């Protein structure tokens, strides 16, 4: 029984996944999911910053990069795009919890929104997910 569970885990999480095609958003490399997210923001007429840097971003120890900062009112909304290539599906990540804590301690941000790749398969799915997660 345990061997079957281990095998199922390996098939689901250790099997190579297709890396998303890279293109650009706001002049920076982006996955196909991030491109769909940018289109959704544009369709919803929500201005955004792609690859928003906190504390120097990837250039400084302790820095962070948020996939998107939606310039919503009254507070900007940080949005993370979690594709299955880079993130284990639907598992609560300590990295996400650390980011939530950082944003809360800084103040001035709405609650972190995480949108998974399963909701980003088509432009229509992406738009529906954004409306749902952003409460539109």
N, C-alpha and C. Protein backbone atom coordinates (compact mmCIF):
# COMPACT_ATOMS: atom_id res chain seq x y z
N UNK A 1 0.82 -1.19 0.00
CA UNK A 1 0.00 0.00 0.00
C UNK A 1 0.87 1.26 0.00
N UNK A 2 1.90 1.30 0.90
CA UNK A 2 2.80 2.45 0.95
C UNK A 2 3.59 2.60 -0.34
N UNK A 3 3.97 1.46 -0.95
CA UNK A 3 4.70 1.53 -2.22
C UNK A 3 3.85 2.14 -3.32
N UNK A 4 2.56 1.82 -3.33
CA UNK A 4 1.66 2.38 -4.34
C UNK A 4 1.53 3.88 -4.15
N UNK A 5 1.40 4.32 -2.91
CA UNK A 5 1.30 5.76 -2.63
C UNK A 5 2.59 6.46 -3.05
N UNK A 6 3.73 5.86 -2.74
CA UNK A 6 5.02 6.44 -3.14
C UNK A 6 5.14 6.54 -4.65
N UNK A 7 4.70 5.51 -5.34
CA UNK A 7 4.74 5.51 -6.79
C UNK A 7 3.84 6.59 -7.37
N UNK A 8 2.63 6.72 -6.83
CA UNK A 8 1.71 7.76 -7.30
C UNK A 8 2.29 9.16 -7.07
N UNK A 9 2.93 9.35 -5.92
CA UNK A 9 3.57 10.62 -5.63
C UNK A 9 4.66 10.93 -6.67
N UNK A 10 5.49 9.93 -6.96
CA UNK A 10 6.57 10.13 -7.93
C UNK A 10 6.02 10.45 -9.31
N UNK A 11 4.98 9.74 -9.70
CA UNK A 11 4.39 10.00 -11.02
C UNK A 11 3.85 11.42 -11.09
N UNK A 12 3.19 11.86 -10.02
CA UNK A 12 2.56 13.19 -10.02
C UNK A 12 3.57 14.31 -9.90
N UNK A 13 4.54 14.19 -8.98
CA UNK A 13 5.41 15.32 -8.67
C UNK A 13 6.83 15.22 -9.20
N UNK A 14 7.33 14.03 -9.43
CA UNK A 14 8.72 13.89 -9.87
C UNK A 14 8.83 13.74 -11.38
N UNK A 15 7.72 13.42 -12.02
CA UNK A 15 7.75 13.28 -13.48
C UNK A 15 8.05 14.63 -14.10
N UNK A 16 8.88 14.65 -15.14
CA UNK A 16 9.20 15.93 -15.76
C UNK A 16 7.93 16.61 -16.28
N UNK A 17 7.87 17.90 -16.04
CA UNK A 17 6.73 18.68 -16.51
C UNK A 17 7.21 19.57 -17.65
N UNK A 18 6.30 19.90 -18.50
CA UNK A 18 6.64 20.77 -19.61
C UNK A 18 6.88 22.18 -19.09
N UNK A 19 8.02 22.73 -19.39
CA UNK A 19 8.33 24.09 -18.97
C UNK A 19 7.50 25.06 -19.80
N UNK A 20 6.83 26.04 -19.13
CA UNK A 20 6.02 26.99 -19.88
C UNK A 20 6.87 27.79 -20.86
N UNK A 21 6.29 28.10 -21.99
CA UNK A 21 6.97 28.90 -23.02
C UNK A 21 7.22 30.31 -22.47
N UNK A 22 8.43 30.81 -22.66
CA UNK A 22 8.77 32.15 -22.17
C UNK A 22 8.57 33.19 -23.27
N UNK A 23 7.95 34.29 -22.90
CA UNK A 23 7.78 35.46 -23.77
C UNK A 23 8.02 36.68 -22.89
N UNK A 24 7.42 37.81 -23.21
CA UNK A 24 7.68 39.02 -22.42
C UNK A 24 6.41 39.72 -21.98
N UNK A 25 6.52 40.36 -20.81
CA UNK A 25 5.50 41.28 -20.29
C UNK A 25 6.27 42.50 -19.81
N UNK A 26 5.85 43.67 -20.21
CA UNK A 26 6.51 44.93 -19.83
C UNK A 26 8.03 44.85 -20.04
N UNK A 27 8.44 44.20 -21.15
CA UNK A 27 9.85 44.12 -21.52
C UNK A 27 10.67 43.12 -20.73
N UNK A 28 10.02 42.28 -19.91
CA UNK A 28 10.73 41.28 -19.11
C UNK A 28 10.25 39.88 -19.48
N UNK A 29 11.14 38.91 -19.36
CA UNK A 29 10.79 37.53 -19.66
C UNK A 29 9.61 37.10 -18.79
N UNK A 30 8.68 36.37 -19.41
CA UNK A 30 7.47 35.93 -18.71
C UNK A 30 7.04 34.56 -19.22
N UNK A 31 6.41 33.79 -18.36
CA UNK A 31 5.85 32.50 -18.78
C UNK A 31 4.54 32.75 -19.53
N UNK A 32 4.05 31.72 -20.20
CA UNK A 32 2.77 31.86 -20.90
C UNK A 32 1.65 32.16 -19.91
N UNK A 33 1.73 31.63 -18.69
CA UNK A 33 0.72 31.94 -17.66
C UNK A 33 0.79 33.42 -17.28
N UNK A 34 1.98 33.95 -17.15
CA UNK A 34 2.13 35.37 -16.81
C UNK A 34 1.62 36.26 -17.93
N UNK A 35 1.82 35.83 -19.18
CA UNK A 35 1.28 36.59 -20.32
C UNK A 35 -0.25 36.61 -20.25
N UNK A 36 -0.86 35.46 -19.96
CA UNK A 36 -2.33 35.41 -19.84
C UNK A 36 -2.79 36.30 -18.69
N UNK A 37 -2.05 36.30 -17.59
CA UNK A 37 -2.40 37.15 -16.46
C UNK A 37 -2.35 38.62 -16.86
N UNK A 38 -1.31 39.01 -17.58
CA UNK A 38 -1.20 40.40 -18.04
C UNK A 38 -2.37 40.77 -18.95
N UNK A 39 -2.76 39.85 -19.83
CA UNK A 39 -3.93 40.10 -20.71
C UNK A 39 -5.19 40.28 -19.87
N UNK A 40 -5.34 39.47 -18.82
CA UNK A 40 -6.51 39.59 -17.95
C UNK A 40 -6.53 40.95 -17.27
N UNK A 41 -5.40 41.40 -16.76
CA UNK A 41 -5.34 42.73 -16.16
C UNK A 41 -5.73 43.80 -17.18
N UNK A 42 -5.20 43.67 -18.39
CA UNK A 42 -5.53 44.64 -19.44
C UNK A 42 -7.02 44.63 -19.76
N UNK A 43 -7.60 43.43 -19.90
CA UNK A 43 -9.03 43.31 -20.20
C UNK A 43 -9.88 43.93 -19.10
N UNK A 44 -9.45 43.72 -17.85
CA UNK A 44 -10.19 44.26 -16.70
C UNK A 44 -9.84 45.72 -16.43
N UNK A 45 -8.95 46.26 -17.23
CA UNK A 45 -8.49 47.65 -17.11
C UNK A 45 -7.91 47.95 -15.71
N UNK A 46 -7.12 46.99 -15.24
CA UNK A 46 -6.42 47.15 -13.96
C UNK A 46 -4.94 47.35 -14.27
N UNK A 47 -4.42 48.55 -13.98
CA UNK A 47 -2.98 48.75 -14.21
C UNK A 47 -2.18 47.87 -13.25
N UNK A 48 -0.98 47.49 -13.68
CA UNK A 48 -0.16 46.58 -12.88
C UNK A 48 1.31 46.82 -13.13
N UNK A 49 2.10 46.33 -12.20
CA UNK A 49 3.55 46.31 -12.34
C UNK A 49 3.94 44.84 -12.37
N UNK A 50 4.65 44.44 -13.41
CA UNK A 50 5.13 43.07 -13.53
C UNK A 50 6.48 42.95 -12.85
N UNK A 51 6.67 41.88 -12.07
CA UNK A 51 7.92 41.61 -11.36
C UNK A 51 8.25 42.77 -10.40
N UNK A 52 7.31 43.04 -9.52
CA UNK A 52 7.45 44.11 -8.52
C UNK A 52 8.50 43.71 -7.49
N UNK A 53 9.49 44.56 -7.29
CA UNK A 53 10.61 44.25 -6.41
C UNK A 53 10.42 44.85 -5.02
N UNK A 54 10.61 44.01 -4.02
CA UNK A 54 10.64 44.46 -2.62
C UNK A 54 12.06 44.28 -2.11
N UNK A 55 12.55 45.25 -1.38
CA UNK A 55 13.89 45.15 -0.76
C UNK A 55 14.98 44.81 -1.76
N UNK A 56 14.94 45.39 -2.94
CA UNK A 56 15.98 45.17 -3.94
C UNK A 56 15.76 43.96 -4.84
N UNK A 57 14.64 43.29 -4.68
CA UNK A 57 14.33 42.14 -5.54
C UNK A 57 15.36 41.04 -5.41
N UNK A 58 15.71 40.45 -6.52
CA UNK A 58 16.67 39.33 -6.51
C UNK A 58 18.12 39.80 -6.37
N UNK A 59 18.32 41.12 -6.40
CA UNK A 59 19.69 41.64 -6.34
C UNK A 59 20.25 41.73 -4.92
N UNK A 60 19.39 41.67 -3.91
CA UNK A 60 19.85 41.79 -2.53
C UNK A 60 19.37 40.62 -1.70
N UNK A 61 20.20 40.18 -0.77
CA UNK A 61 19.83 39.12 0.14
C UNK A 61 18.58 39.53 0.91
N UNK A 62 17.58 38.67 0.91
CA UNK A 62 16.32 38.98 1.59
C UNK A 62 15.32 39.69 0.70
N UNK A 63 15.75 40.07 -0.50
CA UNK A 63 14.84 40.74 -1.42
C UNK A 63 13.81 39.77 -1.97
N UNK A 64 12.71 40.30 -2.46
CA UNK A 64 11.61 39.51 -3.01
C UNK A 64 11.14 40.12 -4.32
N UNK A 65 10.57 39.26 -5.15
CA UNK A 65 9.92 39.72 -6.38
C UNK A 65 8.51 39.13 -6.39
N UNK A 66 7.53 40.00 -6.52
CA UNK A 66 6.13 39.58 -6.62
C UNK A 66 5.80 39.57 -8.10
N UNK A 67 5.16 38.50 -8.56
CA UNK A 67 4.87 38.38 -10.00
C UNK A 67 4.16 39.62 -10.54
N UNK A 68 3.08 40.02 -9.89
CA UNK A 68 2.32 41.21 -10.32
C UNK A 68 1.91 42.01 -9.10
N UNK A 69 1.96 43.32 -9.23
CA UNK A 69 1.33 44.19 -8.25
C UNK A 69 0.22 44.91 -9.00
N UNK A 70 -1.02 44.50 -8.71
CA UNK A 70 -2.19 45.13 -9.34
C UNK A 70 -2.44 46.43 -8.61
N UNK A 71 -2.52 47.51 -9.36
CA UNK A 71 -2.68 48.83 -8.76
C UNK A 71 -4.16 49.10 -8.50
N UNK A 72 -4.69 48.32 -7.57
CA UNK A 72 -6.10 48.40 -7.20
C UNK A 72 -6.29 49.45 -6.11
N UNK A 73 -7.53 49.90 -5.95
CA UNK A 73 -7.87 50.93 -4.96
C UNK A 73 -8.76 50.29 -3.91
N UNK A 74 -8.58 50.51 -2.65
CA UNK A 74 -7.70 51.50 -2.03
C UNK A 74 -6.26 51.00 -1.83
N UNK A 75 -6.05 49.68 -1.85
CA UNK A 75 -4.70 49.14 -1.68
C UNK A 75 -4.30 48.31 -2.89
N UNK A 76 -3.03 48.36 -3.26
CA UNK A 76 -2.52 47.53 -4.35
C UNK A 76 -2.55 46.07 -3.93
N UNK A 77 -2.84 45.20 -4.91
CA UNK A 77 -2.98 43.77 -4.63
C UNK A 77 -1.81 42.98 -5.23
N UNK A 78 -1.01 42.33 -4.38
CA UNK A 78 0.05 41.47 -4.89
C UNK A 78 -0.56 40.17 -5.42
N UNK A 79 -0.12 39.75 -6.61
CA UNK A 79 -0.65 38.54 -7.24
C UNK A 79 0.52 37.66 -7.65
N UNK A 80 0.50 36.42 -7.16
CA UNK A 80 1.50 35.43 -7.53
C UNK A 80 0.86 34.44 -8.49
N UNK A 81 1.58 34.07 -9.54
CA UNK A 81 1.15 33.08 -10.52
C UNK A 81 1.95 31.81 -10.24
N UNK A 82 1.24 30.74 -9.89
CA UNK A 82 1.92 29.49 -9.53
C UNK A 82 1.62 28.41 -10.56
N UNK A 83 2.52 28.27 -11.51
CA UNK A 83 2.42 27.18 -12.46
C UNK A 83 2.99 25.91 -11.85
N UNK A 84 2.57 24.78 -12.34
CA UNK A 84 2.99 23.51 -11.78
C UNK A 84 4.45 23.18 -12.07
N UNK A 85 5.05 23.86 -13.03
CA UNK A 85 6.46 23.60 -13.33
C UNK A 85 7.35 24.02 -12.16
N UNK A 86 7.08 25.18 -11.59
CA UNK A 86 7.93 25.74 -10.53
C UNK A 86 7.38 25.52 -9.13
N UNK A 87 6.10 25.20 -9.00
CA UNK A 87 5.46 25.11 -7.68
C UNK A 87 4.74 23.78 -7.54
N UNK A 88 4.80 23.17 -6.37
CA UNK A 88 4.04 21.94 -6.13
C UNK A 88 2.57 22.32 -6.02
N UNK A 89 1.74 21.71 -6.82
CA UNK A 89 0.34 22.11 -6.89
C UNK A 89 -0.39 22.09 -5.55
N UNK A 90 -0.96 23.24 -5.23
CA UNK A 90 -1.90 23.40 -4.13
C UNK A 90 -1.35 23.10 -2.74
N UNK A 91 -0.03 22.98 -2.61
CA UNK A 91 0.54 22.80 -1.28
C UNK A 91 0.84 24.17 -0.71
N UNK A 92 0.52 24.35 0.55
CA UNK A 92 0.80 25.62 1.20
C UNK A 92 2.31 25.75 1.33
N UNK A 93 2.84 26.80 0.79
CA UNK A 93 4.28 26.99 0.77
C UNK A 93 4.71 27.92 1.89
N UNK A 94 5.80 27.55 2.56
CA UNK A 94 6.33 28.44 3.61
C UNK A 94 6.79 29.75 2.98
N UNK A 95 7.25 29.69 1.74
CA UNK A 95 7.67 30.91 1.05
C UNK A 95 6.48 31.86 0.88
N UNK A 96 5.31 31.32 0.54
CA UNK A 96 4.11 32.14 0.41
C UNK A 96 3.73 32.75 1.75
N UNK A 97 3.85 31.96 2.82
CA UNK A 97 3.50 32.45 4.16
C UNK A 97 4.47 33.54 4.60
N UNK A 98 5.74 33.38 4.26
CA UNK A 98 6.73 34.41 4.59
C UNK A 98 6.39 35.70 3.84
N UNK A 99 6.05 35.57 2.55
CA UNK A 99 5.69 36.74 1.76
C UNK A 99 4.44 37.41 2.34
N UNK A 100 3.44 36.63 2.73
CA UNK A 100 2.24 37.20 3.36
C UNK A 100 2.62 38.01 4.61
N UNK A 101 3.51 37.44 5.42
CA UNK A 101 3.95 38.14 6.63
C UNK A 101 4.68 39.43 6.33
N UNK A 102 5.55 39.39 5.34
CA UNK A 102 6.29 40.60 4.95
C UNK A 102 5.31 41.68 4.50
N UNK A 103 4.38 41.31 3.63
CA UNK A 103 3.42 42.29 3.11
C UNK A 103 2.55 42.87 4.23
N UNK A 104 2.13 42.01 5.14
CA UNK A 104 1.30 42.47 6.26
C UNK A 104 2.08 43.43 7.15
N UNK A 105 3.35 43.10 7.43
CA UNK A 105 4.16 43.96 8.29
C UNK A 105 4.46 45.31 7.63
N UNK A 106 4.58 45.32 6.32
CA UNK A 106 4.82 46.58 5.61
C UNK A 106 3.58 47.46 5.59
N UNK A 107 2.42 46.80 5.51
CA UNK A 107 1.17 47.56 5.39
C UNK A 107 1.06 48.16 4.00
N UNK A 108 -0.10 48.65 3.66
CA UNK A 108 -0.30 49.31 2.37
C UNK A 108 -0.59 48.37 1.22
N UNK A 109 -0.74 47.08 1.50
CA UNK A 109 -1.06 46.09 0.47
C UNK A 109 -2.34 45.35 0.85
N UNK A 110 -3.11 44.98 -0.18
CA UNK A 110 -4.24 44.08 0.03
C UNK A 110 -3.68 42.68 0.25
N UNK A 111 -4.54 41.73 0.58
CA UNK A 111 -4.13 40.34 0.81
C UNK A 111 -3.51 39.74 -0.45
N UNK A 112 -2.45 38.97 -0.28
CA UNK A 112 -1.80 38.28 -1.38
C UNK A 112 -2.77 37.33 -2.07
N UNK A 113 -2.80 37.38 -3.40
CA UNK A 113 -3.64 36.49 -4.20
C UNK A 113 -2.72 35.53 -4.95
N UNK A 114 -3.03 34.24 -4.87
CA UNK A 114 -2.27 33.23 -5.61
C UNK A 114 -3.20 32.58 -6.61
N UNK A 115 -2.79 32.57 -7.87
CA UNK A 115 -3.59 31.95 -8.93
C UNK A 115 -2.76 30.81 -9.52
N UNK A 116 -3.36 29.62 -9.55
CA UNK A 116 -2.67 28.41 -10.00
C UNK A 116 -2.81 28.18 -11.49
N UNK A 117 -1.86 27.49 -12.05
CA UNK A 117 -1.82 27.18 -13.48
C UNK A 117 -3.08 26.53 -14.01
N UNK A 118 -3.73 25.71 -13.19
CA UNK A 118 -4.96 25.05 -13.64
C UNK A 118 -6.03 26.08 -14.03
N UNK A 119 -5.98 27.27 -13.44
CA UNK A 119 -6.93 28.34 -13.75
C UNK A 119 -6.43 29.26 -14.86
N UNK A 120 -5.29 28.92 -15.45
CA UNK A 120 -4.67 29.79 -16.44
C UNK A 120 -4.47 29.09 -17.79
N UNK A 121 -5.26 28.09 -18.07
CA UNK A 121 -5.09 27.29 -19.28
C UNK A 121 -5.53 28.01 -20.54
N UNK A 122 -6.55 28.85 -20.43
CA UNK A 122 -7.04 29.64 -21.58
C UNK A 122 -7.23 31.07 -21.12
N UNK A 123 -7.37 31.98 -22.08
CA UNK A 123 -7.64 33.37 -21.72
C UNK A 123 -8.95 33.50 -20.96
N UNK A 124 -9.95 32.71 -21.35
CA UNK A 124 -11.26 32.77 -20.69
C UNK A 124 -11.17 32.27 -19.25
N UNK A 125 -10.46 31.14 -19.05
CA UNK A 125 -10.27 30.61 -17.69
C UNK A 125 -9.53 31.62 -16.82
N UNK A 126 -8.52 32.24 -17.39
CA UNK A 126 -7.71 33.22 -16.66
C UNK A 126 -8.56 34.41 -16.23
N UNK A 127 -9.34 34.91 -17.15
CA UNK A 127 -10.21 36.06 -16.85
C UNK A 127 -11.20 35.70 -15.74
N UNK A 128 -11.79 34.52 -15.81
CA UNK A 128 -12.74 34.07 -14.78
C UNK A 128 -12.04 33.96 -13.42
N UNK A 129 -10.82 33.41 -13.41
CA UNK A 129 -10.07 33.27 -12.15
C UNK A 129 -9.75 34.64 -11.56
N UNK A 130 -9.36 35.58 -12.41
CA UNK A 130 -9.05 36.92 -11.92
C UNK A 130 -10.28 37.60 -11.35
N UNK A 131 -11.39 37.47 -12.03
CA UNK A 131 -12.63 38.07 -11.51
C UNK A 131 -12.97 37.46 -10.15
N UNK A 132 -12.85 36.14 -10.04
CA UNK A 132 -13.17 35.45 -8.78
C UNK A 132 -12.20 35.85 -7.66
N UNK A 133 -10.92 35.76 -7.93
CA UNK A 133 -9.92 35.99 -6.89
C UNK A 133 -9.78 37.46 -6.48
N UNK A 134 -10.06 38.36 -7.41
CA UNK A 134 -9.98 39.80 -7.11
C UNK A 134 -11.33 40.38 -6.70
N UNK A 135 -12.35 39.53 -6.66
CA UNK A 135 -13.68 39.96 -6.22
C UNK A 135 -14.34 40.94 -7.16
N UNK A 136 -14.18 40.72 -8.46
CA UNK A 136 -14.77 41.63 -9.46
C UNK A 136 -16.06 41.07 -10.05
